[in-house]
Amino acid sequence: MTREALTTESTPVASGALCFRCGQWTDTPEEVGYVERMSGPGVVLYGCPGHAGGPELDT
């Protein structure tokens, strides 16, 4: 194994997110909300284009 093989990033960075409503992976996520947590950092909720435009989240 060469030094270059050990130091180069070989795995691509994942782009996209899971839809908060249908659970499907989307390459074009839209931020739809943010959930505060007392025990750590908050969580951003993402939606696919079909579910992101809804008037209510029902989380």
PDB file of N, CA and C in Angstrom:
ATOM      1  N   MET A   1       0.850  -1.172   0.000  1.00  0.00           N
ATOM      2  CA  MET A   1       0.000   0.000   0.000  1.00  0.00           C
ATOM      3  C   MET A   1       0.896   1.236   0.000  1.00  0.00           C
ATOM      4  N   THR A   2       0.491   2.219  -0.775  1.00  0.00           N
ATOM      5  CA  THR A   2       1.301   3.432  -0.882  1.00  0.00           C
ATOM      6  C   THR A   2       0.817   4.493   0.101  1.00  0.00           C
ATOM      7  N   ARG A   3       1.672   5.493   0.344  1.00  0.00           N
ATOM      8  CA  ARG A   3       1.317   6.600   1.222  1.00  0.00           C
ATOM      9  C   ARG A   3       0.117   7.372   0.658  1.00  0.00           C
ATOM     10  N   GLU A   4       0.072   7.520  -0.656  1.00  0.00           N
ATOM     11  CA  GLU A   4      -1.025   8.250  -1.292  1.00  0.00           C
ATOM     12  C   GLU A   4      -2.367   7.549  -1.059  1.00  0.00           C
ATOM     13  N   ALA A   5      -2.371   6.237  -1.093  1.00  0.00           N
ATOM     14  CA  ALA A   5      -3.599   5.489  -0.874  1.00  0.00           C
ATOM     15  C   ALA A   5      -4.128   5.677   0.553  1.00  0.00           C
ATOM     16  N   LEU A   6      -3.219   5.895   1.495  1.00  0.00           N
ATOM     17  CA  LEU A   6      -3.628   6.084   2.883  1.00  0.00           C
ATOM     18  C   LEU A   6      -4.074   7.508   3.190  1.00  0.00           C
ATOM     19  N   THR A   7      -3.586   8.478   2.437  1.00  0.00           N
ATOM     20  CA  THR A   7      -3.864   9.867   2.764  1.00  0.00           C
ATOM     21  C   THR A   7      -4.934  10.526   1.905  1.00  0.00           C
ATOM     22  N   THR A   8      -5.320   9.919   0.816  1.00  0.00           N
ATOM     23  CA  THR A   8      -6.354  10.534  -0.026  1.00  0.00           C
ATOM     24  C   THR A   8      -7.725  10.088   0.454  1.00  0.00           C
ATOM     25  N   GLU A   9      -8.695  10.962   0.294  1.00  0.00           N
ATOM     26  CA  GLU A   9     -10.059  10.638   0.694  1.00  0.00           C
ATOM     27  C   GLU A   9     -10.682   9.763  -0.387  1.00  0.00           C
ATOM     28  N   SER A  10     -11.013   8.538  -0.033  1.00  0.00           N
ATOM     29  CA  SER A  10     -11.503   7.607  -1.036  1.00  0.00           C
ATOM     30  C   SER A  10     -13.024   7.488  -1.050  1.00  0.00           C
ATOM     31  N   THR A  11     -13.690   7.870   0.032  1.00  0.00           N
ATOM     32  CA  THR A  11     -15.145   7.758   0.042  1.00  0.00           C
ATOM     33  C   THR A  11     -15.761   9.122  -0.246  1.00  0.00           C
ATOM     34  N   PRO A  12     -16.724   9.165  -1.152  1.00  0.00           N
ATOM     35  CA  PRO A  12     -17.366  10.438  -1.462  1.00  0.00           C
ATOM     36  C   PRO A  12     -18.248  10.901  -0.307  1.00  0.00           C
ATOM     37  N   VAL A  13     -18.368  12.191  -0.161  1.00  0.00           N
ATOM     38  CA  VAL A  13     -19.221  12.764   0.869  1.00  0.00           C
ATOM     39  C   VAL A  13     -20.671  12.619   0.415  1.00  0.00           C
ATOM     40  N   ALA A  14     -21.513  12.121   1.309  1.00  0.00           N
ATOM     41  CA  ALA A  14     -22.925  11.942   0.962  1.00  0.00           C
ATOM     42  C   ALA A  14     -23.608  13.291   0.882  1.00  0.00           C
ATOM     43  N   SER A  15     -24.353  13.501  -0.171  1.00  0.00           N
ATOM     44  CA  SER A  15     -25.124  14.723  -0.281  1.00  0.00           C
ATOM     45  C   SER A  15     -26.592  14.340  -0.342  1.00  0.00           C
ATOM     46  N   GLY A  16     -27.394  15.015   0.436  1.00  0.00           N
ATOM     47  CA  GLY A  16     -28.806  14.700   0.498  1.00  0.00           C
ATOM     48  C   GLY A  16     -29.201  14.425   1.937  1.00  0.00           C
ATOM     49  N   ALA A  17     -30.435  13.996   2.132  1.00  0.00           N
ATOM     50  CA  ALA A  17     -30.938  13.713   3.465  1.00  0.00           C
ATOM     51  C   ALA A  17     -32.183  12.846   3.364  1.00  0.00           C
ATOM     52  N   LEU A  18     -32.595  12.301   4.517  1.00  0.00           N
ATOM     53  CA  LEU A  18     -33.834  11.556   4.570  1.00  0.00           C
ATOM     54  C   LEU A  18     -34.993  12.518   4.758  1.00  0.00           C
ATOM     55  N   CYS A  19     -36.082  12.256   4.076  1.00  0.00           N
ATOM     56  CA  CYS A  19     -37.287  13.063   4.226  1.00  0.00           C
ATOM     57  C   CYS A  19     -37.904  12.762   5.587  1.00  0.00           C
ATOM     58  N   PHE A  20     -38.300  13.795   6.329  1.00  0.00           N
ATOM     59  CA  PHE A  20     -38.875  13.611   7.651  1.00  0.00           C
ATOM     60  C   PHE A  20     -40.237  12.907   7.588  1.00  0.00           C
ATOM     61  N   ARG A  21     -40.929  12.994   6.480  1.00  0.00           N
ATOM     62  CA  ARG A  21     -42.279  12.446   6.382  1.00  0.00           C
ATOM     63  C   ARG A  21     -42.289  11.035   5.791  1.00  0.00           C
ATOM     64  N   CYS A  22     -41.689  10.834   4.629  1.00  0.00           N
ATOM     65  CA  CYS A  22     -41.763   9.525   3.971  1.00  0.00           C
ATOM     66  C   CYS A  22     -40.546   8.646   4.238  1.00  0.00           C
ATOM     67  N   GLY A  23     -39.462   9.216   4.751  1.00  0.00           N
ATOM     68  CA  GLY A  23     -38.276   8.421   5.074  1.00  0.00           C
ATOM     69  C   GLY A  23     -37.424   8.043   3.881  1.00  0.00           C
ATOM     70  N   GLN A  24     -37.740   8.555   2.713  1.00  0.00           N
ATOM     71  CA  GLN A  24     -36.961   8.244   1.505  1.00  0.00           C
ATOM     72  C   GLN A  24     -35.774   9.198   1.383  1.00  0.00           C
ATOM     73  N   TRP A  25     -34.688   8.712   0.825  1.00  0.00           N
ATOM     74  CA  TRP A  25     -33.504   9.524   0.595  1.00  0.00           C
ATOM     75  C   TRP A  25     -33.766  10.474  -0.567  1.00  0.00           C
ATOM     76  N   THR A  26     -33.398  11.742  -0.404  1.00  0.00           N
ATOM     77  CA  THR A  26     -33.557  12.706  -1.485  1.00  0.00           C
ATOM     78  C   THR A  26     -32.241  13.436  -1.721  1.00  0.00           C
ATOM     79  N   ASP A  27     -31.928  13.667  -2.978  1.00  0.00           N
ATOM     80  CA  ASP A  27     -30.719  14.405  -3.331  1.00  0.00           C
ATOM     81  C   ASP A  27     -30.955  15.908  -3.308  1.00  0.00           C
ATOM     82  N   THR A  28     -32.220  16.320  -3.162  1.00  0.00           N
ATOM     83  CA  THR A  28     -32.566  17.745  -3.129  1.00  0.00           C
ATOM     84  C   THR A  28     -33.363  18.063  -1.866  1.00  0.00           C
ATOM     85  N   PRO A  29     -32.729  17.908  -0.675  1.00  0.00           N
ATOM     86  CA  PRO A  29     -33.476  18.149   0.559  1.00  0.00           C
ATOM     87  C   PRO A  29     -33.756  19.632   0.774  1.00  0.00           C
ATOM     88  N   GLU A  30     -34.893  19.904   1.419  1.00  0.00           N
ATOM     89  CA  GLU A  30     -35.248  21.259   1.794  1.00  0.00           C
ATOM     90  C   GLU A  30     -35.444  21.281   3.309  1.00  0.00           C
ATOM     91  N   GLU A  31     -34.848  22.255   3.975  1.00  0.00           N
ATOM     92  CA  GLU A  31     -34.972  22.358   5.421  1.00  0.00           C
ATOM     93  C   GLU A  31     -36.403  22.756   5.767  1.00  0.00           C
ATOM     94  N   VAL A  32     -37.040  21.967   6.650  1.00  0.00           N
ATOM     95  CA  VAL A  32     -38.430  22.236   7.001  1.00  0.00           C
ATOM     96  C   VAL A  32     -38.623  22.527   8.485  1.00  0.00           C
ATOM     97  N   GLY A  33     -37.609  22.286   9.296  1.00  0.00           N
ATOM     98  CA  GLY A  33     -37.762  22.547  10.718  1.00  0.00           C
ATOM     99  C   GLY A  33     -36.491  22.263  11.485  1.00  0.00           C
ATOM    100  N   TYR A  34     -36.568  22.554  12.787  1.00  0.00           N
ATOM    101  CA  TYR A  34     -35.432  22.354  13.681  1.00  0.00           C
ATOM    102  C   TYR A  34     -35.975  21.921  15.029  1.00  0.00           C
ATOM    103  N   VAL A  35     -35.426  20.848  15.601  1.00  0.00           N
ATOM    104  CA  VAL A  35     -35.878  20.339  16.884  1.00  0.00           C
ATOM    105  C   VAL A  35     -34.787  20.593  17.914  1.00  0.00           C
ATOM    106  N   GLU A  36     -35.104  21.392  18.929  1.00  0.00           N
ATOM    107  CA  GLU A  36     -34.166  21.651  20.030  1.00  0.00           C
ATOM    108  C   GLU A  36     -34.082  20.425  20.923  1.00  0.00           C
ATOM    109  N   ARG A  37     -32.884  20.137  21.434  1.00  0.00           N
ATOM    110  CA  ARG A  37     -32.706  19.029  22.368  1.00  0.00           C
ATOM    111  C   ARG A  37     -31.954  19.539  23.576  1.00  0.00           C
ATOM    112  N   MET A  38     -32.355  19.101  24.739  1.00  0.00           N
ATOM    113  CA  MET A  38     -31.697  19.525  25.978  1.00  0.00           C
ATOM    114  C   MET A  38     -30.361  18.812  26.185  1.00  0.00           C
ATOM    115  N   SER A  39     -30.218  17.606  25.639  1.00  0.00           N
ATOM    116  CA  SER A  39     -29.030  16.804  25.904  1.00  0.00           C
ATOM    117  C   SER A  39     -27.923  16.981  24.874  1.00  0.00           C
ATOM    118  N   GLY A  40     -28.107  17.842  23.906  1.00  0.00           N
ATOM    119  CA  GLY A  40     -27.079  18.006  22.886  1.00  0.00           C
ATOM    120  C   GLY A  40     -27.532  18.971  21.821  1.00  0.00           C
ATOM    121  N   PRO A  41     -26.847  18.954  20.700  1.00  0.00           N
ATOM    122  CA  PRO A  41     -27.221  19.872  19.619  1.00  0.00           C
ATOM    123  C   PRO A  41     -28.578  19.518  19.026  1.00  0.00           C
ATOM    124  N   GLY A  42     -29.230  20.498  18.467  1.00  0.00           N
ATOM    125  CA  GLY A  42     -30.526  20.293  17.837  1.00  0.00           C
ATOM    126  C   GLY A  42     -30.415  19.488  16.556  1.00  0.00           C
ATOM    127  N   VAL A  43     -31.561  19.112  16.031  1.00  0.00           N
ATOM    128  CA  VAL A  43     -31.626  18.296  14.821  1.00  0.00           C
ATOM    129  C   VAL A  43     -32.397  19.057  13.759  1.00  0.00           C
ATOM    130  N   VAL A  44     -31.832  19.152  12.569  1.00  0.00           N
ATOM    131  CA  VAL A  44     -32.501  19.799  11.449  1.00  0.00           C
ATOM    132  C   VAL A  44     -33.365  18.756  10.747  1.00  0.00           C
ATOM    133  N   LEU A  45     -34.609  19.106  10.468  1.00  0.00           N
ATOM    134  CA  LEU A  45     -35.507  18.225   9.730  1.00  0.00           C
ATOM    135  C   LEU A  45     -35.504  18.636   8.268  1.00  0.00           C
ATOM    136  N   TYR A  46     -35.385  17.643   7.397  1.00  0.00           N
ATOM    137  CA  TYR A  46     -35.374  17.887   5.959  1.00  0.00           C
ATOM    138  C   TYR A  46     -36.547  17.175   5.313  1.00  0.00           C
ATOM    139  N   GLY A  47     -37.014  17.716   4.211  1.00  0.00           N
ATOM    140  CA  GLY A  47     -38.086  17.093   3.466  1.00  0.00           C
ATOM    141  C   GLY A  47     -37.726  17.006   1.996  1.00  0.00           C
ATOM    142  N   CYS A  48     -38.303  16.010   1.333  1.00  0.00           N
ATOM    143  CA  CYS A  48     -38.135  15.920  -0.114  1.00  0.00           C
ATOM    144  C   CYS A  48     -38.988  17.014  -0.746  1.00  0.00           C
ATOM    145  N   PRO A  49     -38.764  17.356  -1.979  1.00  0.00           N
ATOM    146  CA  PRO A  49     -39.548  18.439  -2.608  1.00  0.00           C
ATOM    147  C   PRO A  49     -41.054  18.214  -2.536  1.00  0.00           C
ATOM    148  N   GLY A  50     -41.516  16.980  -2.555  1.00  0.00           N
ATOM    149  CA  GLY A  50     -42.937  16.705  -2.481  1.00  0.00           C
ATOM    150  C   GLY A  50     -43.557  16.938  -1.120  1.00  0.00           C
ATOM    151  N   HIS A  51     -42.750  16.794  -0.047  1.00  0.00           N
ATOM    152  CA  HIS A  51     -43.277  16.943   1.302  1.00  0.00           C
ATOM    153  C   HIS A  51     -42.842  18.225   1.997  1.00  0.00           C
ATOM    154  N   ALA A  52     -41.899  18.943   1.458  1.00  0.00           N
ATOM    155  CA  ALA A  52     -41.368  20.123   2.135  1.00  0.00           C
ATOM    156  C   ALA A  52     -42.313  21.317   2.097  1.00  0.00           C
ATOM    157  N   GLY A  53     -43.205  21.375   1.149  1.00  0.00           N
ATOM    158  CA  GLY A  53     -44.066  22.547   1.003  1.00  0.00           C
ATOM    159  C   GLY A  53     -45.349  22.508   1.792  1.00  0.00           C
ATOM    160  N   GLY A  54     -45.549  21.470   2.611  1.00  0.00           N
ATOM    161  CA  GLY A  54     -46.800  21.341   3.361  1.00  0.00           C
ATOM    162  C   GLY A  54     -46.962  22.406   4.435  1.00  0.00           C
ATOM    163  N   PRO A  55     -48.209  22.743   4.794  1.00  0.00           N
ATOM    164  CA  PRO A  55     -48.468  23.782   5.780  1.00  0.00           C
ATOM    165  C   PRO A  55     -48.167  23.368   7.203  1.00  0.00           C
ATOM    166  N   GLU A  56     -48.164  22.053   7.525  1.00  0.00           N
ATOM    167  CA  GLU A  56     -47.888  21.608   8.883  1.00  0.00           C
ATOM    168  C   GLU A  56     -46.940  20.421   8.864  1.00  0.00           C
ATOM    169  N   LEU A  57     -46.162  20.254   9.958  1.00  0.00           N
ATOM    170  CA  LEU A  57     -45.144  19.218   9.985  1.00  0.00           C
ATOM    171  C   LEU A  57     -45.621  17.923  10.615  1.00  0.00           C
ATOM    172  N   ASP A  58     -46.470  17.966  11.641  1.00  0.00           N
ATOM    173  CA  ASP A  58     -46.937  16.765  12.346  1.00  0.00           C
ATOM    174  C   ASP A  58     -45.779  15.885  12.797  1.00  0.00           C
ATOM    175  N   THR A  59     -44.776  16.453  13.454  1.00  0.00           N
ATOM    176  CA  THR A  59     -43.620  15.666  13.888  1.00  0.00           C
ATOM    177  C   THR A  59     -43.827  14.992  15.193  1.00  0.00           C
TER     178      THR A  59
END
